[in-house]
């Protein structure tokens, strides 16, 4: 993902995902709130 999209995503409070990953999430029925929870968990473990 390019820096502009990453900054826009961070400002909006949404996980930084590409159009491709968003399409895959939709195909697999993965909700964005579930992704946010996983990303929050993984970032808290790395700190």
N, C-alpha and C. Protein backbone atom coordinates (compact mmCIF):
# COMPACT_ATOMS: atom_id res chain seq x y z
N UNK A 1 0.85 -1.17 0.00
CA UNK A 1 0.00 0.00 0.00
C UNK A 1 0.90 1.24 0.00
N UNK A 2 0.49 2.23 -0.75
CA UNK A 2 1.31 3.44 -0.82
C UNK A 2 1.09 4.29 0.43
N UNK A 3 2.02 5.20 0.72
CA UNK A 3 1.94 6.00 1.95
C UNK A 3 0.69 6.87 2.05
N UNK A 4 0.18 7.35 0.93
CA UNK A 4 -1.01 8.20 0.96
C UNK A 4 -2.22 7.38 1.41
N UNK A 5 -2.39 6.19 0.85
CA UNK A 5 -3.50 5.34 1.27
C UNK A 5 -3.36 4.94 2.73
N UNK A 6 -2.15 4.64 3.17
CA UNK A 6 -1.92 4.25 4.56
C UNK A 6 -2.29 5.39 5.50
N UNK A 7 -1.90 6.62 5.16
CA UNK A 7 -2.22 7.77 6.00
C UNK A 7 -3.72 8.03 6.02
N UNK A 8 -4.36 7.91 4.88
CA UNK A 8 -5.81 8.12 4.80
C UNK A 8 -6.54 7.06 5.62
N UNK A 9 -6.08 5.83 5.53
CA UNK A 9 -6.69 4.74 6.28
C UNK A 9 -6.51 4.94 7.78
N UNK A 10 -5.32 5.37 8.18
CA UNK A 10 -5.05 5.61 9.60
C UNK A 10 -5.92 6.74 10.13
N UNK A 11 -6.11 7.77 9.33
CA UNK A 11 -6.93 8.91 9.75
C UNK A 11 -8.40 8.51 9.87
N UNK A 12 -8.83 7.58 9.03
CA UNK A 12 -10.23 7.14 9.06
C UNK A 12 -10.48 6.09 10.13
N UNK A 13 -9.40 5.54 10.69
CA UNK A 13 -9.55 4.53 11.73
C UNK A 13 -9.86 3.15 11.19
N UNK A 14 -9.61 2.95 9.89
CA UNK A 14 -9.85 1.64 9.30
C UNK A 14 -8.52 0.93 9.10
N UNK A 15 -8.54 -0.40 9.08
CA UNK A 15 -7.29 -1.11 8.85
C UNK A 15 -6.75 -0.83 7.46
N UNK A 16 -5.45 -0.74 7.33
CA UNK A 16 -4.86 -0.45 6.01
C UNK A 16 -4.89 -1.68 5.12
N UNK A 17 -5.86 -1.77 4.25
CA UNK A 17 -5.97 -2.91 3.34
C UNK A 17 -6.02 -2.43 1.90
N UNK A 18 -5.48 -3.24 1.03
CA UNK A 18 -5.52 -2.92 -0.40
C UNK A 18 -6.87 -3.33 -0.97
N UNK A 19 -7.14 -2.91 -2.17
CA UNK A 19 -8.38 -3.29 -2.84
C UNK A 19 -8.44 -4.80 -3.01
N UNK A 20 -7.30 -5.41 -3.29
CA UNK A 20 -7.24 -6.86 -3.45
C UNK A 20 -7.59 -7.57 -2.13
N UNK A 21 -6.99 -7.12 -1.04
CA UNK A 21 -7.28 -7.77 0.24
C UNK A 21 -8.73 -7.53 0.66
N UNK A 22 -9.25 -6.36 0.36
CA UNK A 22 -10.66 -6.08 0.66
C UNK A 22 -11.57 -7.04 -0.10
N UNK A 23 -11.24 -7.29 -1.37
CA UNK A 23 -12.03 -8.24 -2.18
C UNK A 23 -11.94 -9.65 -1.60
N UNK A 24 -10.75 -10.05 -1.18
CA UNK A 24 -10.58 -11.39 -0.58
C UNK A 24 -11.34 -11.49 0.73
N UNK A 25 -11.31 -10.45 1.52
CA UNK A 25 -12.07 -10.45 2.79
C UNK A 25 -13.55 -10.62 2.50
N UNK A 26 -14.04 -9.93 1.49
CA UNK A 26 -15.45 -10.02 1.14
C UNK A 26 -15.79 -11.43 0.66
N UNK A 27 -14.91 -12.02 -0.15
CA UNK A 27 -15.14 -13.38 -0.66
C UNK A 27 -15.20 -14.39 0.48
N UNK A 28 -14.38 -14.16 1.50
CA UNK A 28 -14.28 -15.11 2.61
C UNK A 28 -15.19 -14.77 3.78
N UNK A 29 -15.92 -13.67 3.67
CA UNK A 29 -16.85 -13.29 4.73
C UNK A 29 -16.18 -12.78 5.99
N UNK A 30 -15.01 -12.16 5.83
CA UNK A 30 -14.29 -11.61 6.98
C UNK A 30 -14.74 -10.17 7.17
N UNK A 31 -15.28 -9.87 8.33
CA UNK A 31 -15.76 -8.52 8.62
C UNK A 31 -14.59 -7.61 8.98
N UNK A 32 -14.73 -6.33 8.69
CA UNK A 32 -13.66 -5.38 8.97
C UNK A 32 -13.42 -5.23 10.47
N UNK A 33 -14.49 -5.36 11.29
CA UNK A 33 -14.27 -5.25 12.73
C UNK A 33 -13.47 -6.44 13.27
N UNK A 34 -13.62 -7.61 12.65
CA UNK A 34 -12.81 -8.77 13.04
C UNK A 34 -11.35 -8.53 12.67
N UNK A 35 -11.12 -7.95 11.51
CA UNK A 35 -9.76 -7.64 11.09
C UNK A 35 -9.14 -6.61 12.03
N UNK A 36 -9.90 -5.60 12.39
CA UNK A 36 -9.40 -4.59 13.32
C UNK A 36 -9.01 -5.21 14.65
N UNK A 37 -9.83 -6.14 15.15
CA UNK A 37 -9.53 -6.81 16.42
C UNK A 37 -8.24 -7.62 16.31
N UNK A 38 -8.07 -8.33 15.21
CA UNK A 38 -6.84 -9.11 15.01
C UNK A 38 -5.62 -8.22 14.91
N UNK A 39 -5.74 -7.11 14.19
CA UNK A 39 -4.61 -6.19 14.06
C UNK A 39 -4.27 -5.55 15.40
N UNK A 40 -5.27 -5.20 16.18
CA UNK A 40 -5.04 -4.61 17.50
C UNK A 40 -4.36 -5.63 18.41
N UNK A 41 -4.80 -6.88 18.35
CA UNK A 41 -4.20 -7.93 19.17
C UNK A 41 -2.74 -8.14 18.78
N UNK A 42 -2.48 -8.23 17.47
CA UNK A 42 -1.11 -8.48 17.04
C UNK A 42 -0.19 -7.30 17.34
N UNK A 43 -0.71 -6.08 17.27
CA UNK A 43 0.15 -4.94 17.57
C UNK A 43 0.41 -4.83 19.07
N UNK A 44 -0.53 -5.28 19.89
CA UNK A 44 -0.30 -5.24 21.33
C UNK A 44 0.69 -6.32 21.76
N UNK A 45 0.75 -7.42 21.04
CA UNK A 45 1.69 -8.48 21.37
C UNK A 45 3.12 -8.11 20.98
N UNK A 46 3.26 -7.27 19.95
CA UNK A 46 4.59 -6.89 19.47
C UNK A 46 5.19 -5.75 20.28
N UNK A 47 4.42 -5.12 21.12
CA UNK A 47 4.91 -3.95 21.85
C UNK A 47 5.70 -4.34 23.08
